[in-house]
């Protein structure tokens, strides 16, 4: 028995670095290229969140704030959870979450039946000039 057929260290290192890279690329690909399902109807806004009266104390004059938000909608279209808001101003975050919890959507429909599902949205707010 010899070591002639044993894998070389370089081959092992290539496999170690290649495997995580493939997993990352696969994960990114599946999350960014989702195909719409023909049997699922997306929700529509019934009562939008009122983001006109938000106090943004940490806002610079004219600054644009952008953040992703993930809403969890139940079978009635009510917002049951709000996650993913990424802001430095915790008070502004709280206000945005509260406003989205007051909003209402039609539910997702799958094969003609309402289903709970998440809805990803992006917020773009322009701070008032001071």
Protein backbone atom coordinates (compact mmCIF):
# COMPACT_ATOMS: atom_id res chain seq x y z
CA UNK A 1 0.00 0.00 0.00
CA UNK A 2 1.43 3.36 -0.99
CA UNK A 3 0.58 7.00 -1.03
CA UNK A 4 0.58 7.26 -4.82
CA UNK A 5 -3.24 7.29 -5.04
CA UNK A 6 -3.78 9.67 -2.10
CA UNK A 7 -5.21 13.09 -2.99
CA UNK A 8 -2.70 15.94 -3.05
CA UNK A 9 -2.99 18.82 -0.59
CA UNK A 10 -3.64 21.29 -3.43
CA UNK A 11 -6.61 19.22 -4.65
CA UNK A 12 -8.05 19.07 -1.14
CA UNK A 13 -7.69 22.86 -0.70
CA UNK A 14 -9.42 23.49 -4.06
CA UNK A 15 -12.34 21.31 -2.94
CA UNK A 16 -12.54 23.05 0.46
CA UNK A 17 -12.69 26.54 -1.09
CA UNK A 18 -14.81 25.59 -4.10
CA UNK A 19 -17.60 23.88 -2.15
CA UNK A 20 -18.57 26.88 0.02
CA UNK A 21 -18.35 29.13 -3.05
CA UNK A 22 -20.81 26.94 -4.91
CA UNK A 23 -23.20 26.95 -1.95
CA UNK A 24 -23.06 30.74 -1.70
CA UNK A 25 -23.64 31.19 -5.44
CA UNK A 26 -26.53 28.74 -5.35
CA UNK A 27 -28.14 30.50 -2.38
CA UNK A 28 -27.80 33.90 -4.06
CA UNK A 29 -29.15 32.58 -7.31
CA UNK A 30 -32.22 31.00 -5.75
CA UNK A 31 -33.10 34.07 -3.71
CA UNK A 32 -32.62 36.59 -6.52
CA UNK A 33 -34.17 34.72 -9.41
CA UNK A 34 -37.47 33.51 -8.06
CA UNK A 35 -39.95 32.67 -10.77
CA UNK A 36 -43.52 33.84 -10.25
CA UNK A 37 -45.88 30.99 -9.52
CA UNK A 38 -48.88 31.09 -11.82
CA UNK A 39 -51.21 29.73 -9.13
CA UNK A 40 -50.29 32.42 -6.55
CA UNK A 41 -51.87 35.87 -6.66
CA UNK A 42 -49.86 38.58 -4.86
CA UNK A 43 -51.51 40.94 -2.39
CA UNK A 44 -52.64 44.49 -3.10
CA UNK A 45 -52.76 47.42 -0.70
CA UNK A 46 -56.10 48.00 1.02
CA UNK A 47 -54.90 50.50 3.66
CA UNK A 48 -51.33 51.77 3.17
CA UNK A 49 -49.08 52.71 6.09
CA UNK A 50 -49.13 56.43 6.87
CA UNK A 51 -45.48 57.41 6.71
CA UNK A 52 -46.15 61.15 6.31
CA UNK A 53 -45.91 62.08 10.01
CA UNK A 54 -42.73 60.29 11.00
CA UNK A 55 -40.32 62.21 13.22
CA UNK A 56 -36.77 61.72 12.04
CA UNK A 57 -34.59 63.51 14.57
CA UNK A 58 -31.41 61.87 13.32
CA UNK A 59 -32.19 62.78 9.72
CA UNK A 60 -29.96 65.18 7.79
CA UNK A 61 -31.80 67.83 5.78
CA UNK A 62 -32.83 66.30 2.45
CA UNK A 63 -31.20 62.92 3.20
CA UNK A 64 -32.86 59.90 1.59
CA UNK A 65 -33.36 56.91 3.87
CA UNK A 66 -33.73 53.51 2.23
CA UNK A 67 -34.40 50.26 4.07
CA UNK A 68 -35.85 46.85 3.26
CA UNK A 69 -38.87 45.67 5.21
CA UNK A 70 -40.38 42.19 5.37
CA UNK A 71 -44.05 42.02 6.28
CA UNK A 72 -45.69 38.82 7.42
CA UNK A 73 -49.26 38.71 6.15
CA UNK A 74 -51.83 36.31 7.58
CA UNK A 75 -54.69 34.67 5.66
CA UNK A 76 -56.79 37.84 5.98
CA UNK A 77 -54.08 40.20 4.69
CA UNK A 78 -53.37 41.66 8.14
CA UNK A 79 -49.74 42.43 8.97
CA UNK A 80 -48.72 40.16 11.85
CA UNK A 81 -44.99 40.88 11.92
CA UNK A 82 -42.56 43.46 10.57
CA UNK A 83 -38.84 42.66 10.36
CA UNK A 84 -35.72 43.78 8.54
CA UNK A 85 -35.94 47.54 9.11
CA UNK A 86 -32.32 48.73 9.20
CA UNK A 87 -32.03 52.27 10.55
CA UNK A 88 -29.77 54.05 13.05
CA UNK A 89 -32.73 55.96 14.50
CA UNK A 90 -34.52 53.46 16.78
CA UNK A 91 -37.51 55.78 17.29
CA UNK A 92 -37.99 56.06 13.53
CA UNK A 93 -37.74 52.27 13.26
CA UNK A 94 -40.43 51.87 15.93
CA UNK A 95 -42.72 54.34 14.15
CA UNK A 96 -42.30 52.58 10.78
CA UNK A 97 -43.02 49.17 12.33
CA UNK A 98 -46.14 50.53 14.06
CA UNK A 99 -47.44 52.13 10.86
CA UNK A 100 -46.96 48.93 8.87
CA UNK A 101 -48.79 46.95 11.56
CA UNK A 102 -51.79 49.26 11.00
CA UNK A 103 -51.74 48.70 7.23
CA UNK A 104 -53.92 46.15 5.46
CA UNK A 105 -53.50 44.10 2.29
CA UNK A 106 -55.52 41.60 0.37
CA UNK A 107 -54.14 38.15 1.20
CA UNK A 108 -51.96 36.09 -1.06
CA UNK A 109 -54.18 33.63 -2.91
CA UNK A 110 -52.97 30.16 -3.82
CA UNK A 111 -55.27 28.04 -5.94
CA UNK A 112 -58.12 30.39 -5.01
CA UNK A 113 -57.55 30.12 -1.24
CA UNK A 114 -56.00 32.79 1.02
CA UNK A 115 -52.61 31.86 2.47
CA UNK A 116 -50.21 33.46 4.94
CA UNK A 117 -47.01 34.64 3.30
CA UNK A 118 -44.34 37.33 3.60
CA UNK A 119 -44.16 40.46 1.50
CA UNK A 120 -40.82 42.20 0.89
CA UNK A 121 -40.97 45.96 0.39
CA UNK A 122 -38.42 48.76 0.23
CA UNK A 123 -38.92 52.14 1.90
CA UNK A 124 -37.45 55.31 0.43
CA UNK A 125 -38.00 58.36 2.66
CA UNK A 126 -36.71 61.86 2.03
CA UNK A 127 -35.93 63.80 5.22
CA UNK A 128 -37.32 67.32 5.41
CA UNK A 129 -34.95 70.25 4.75
CA UNK A 130 -33.99 72.09 7.94
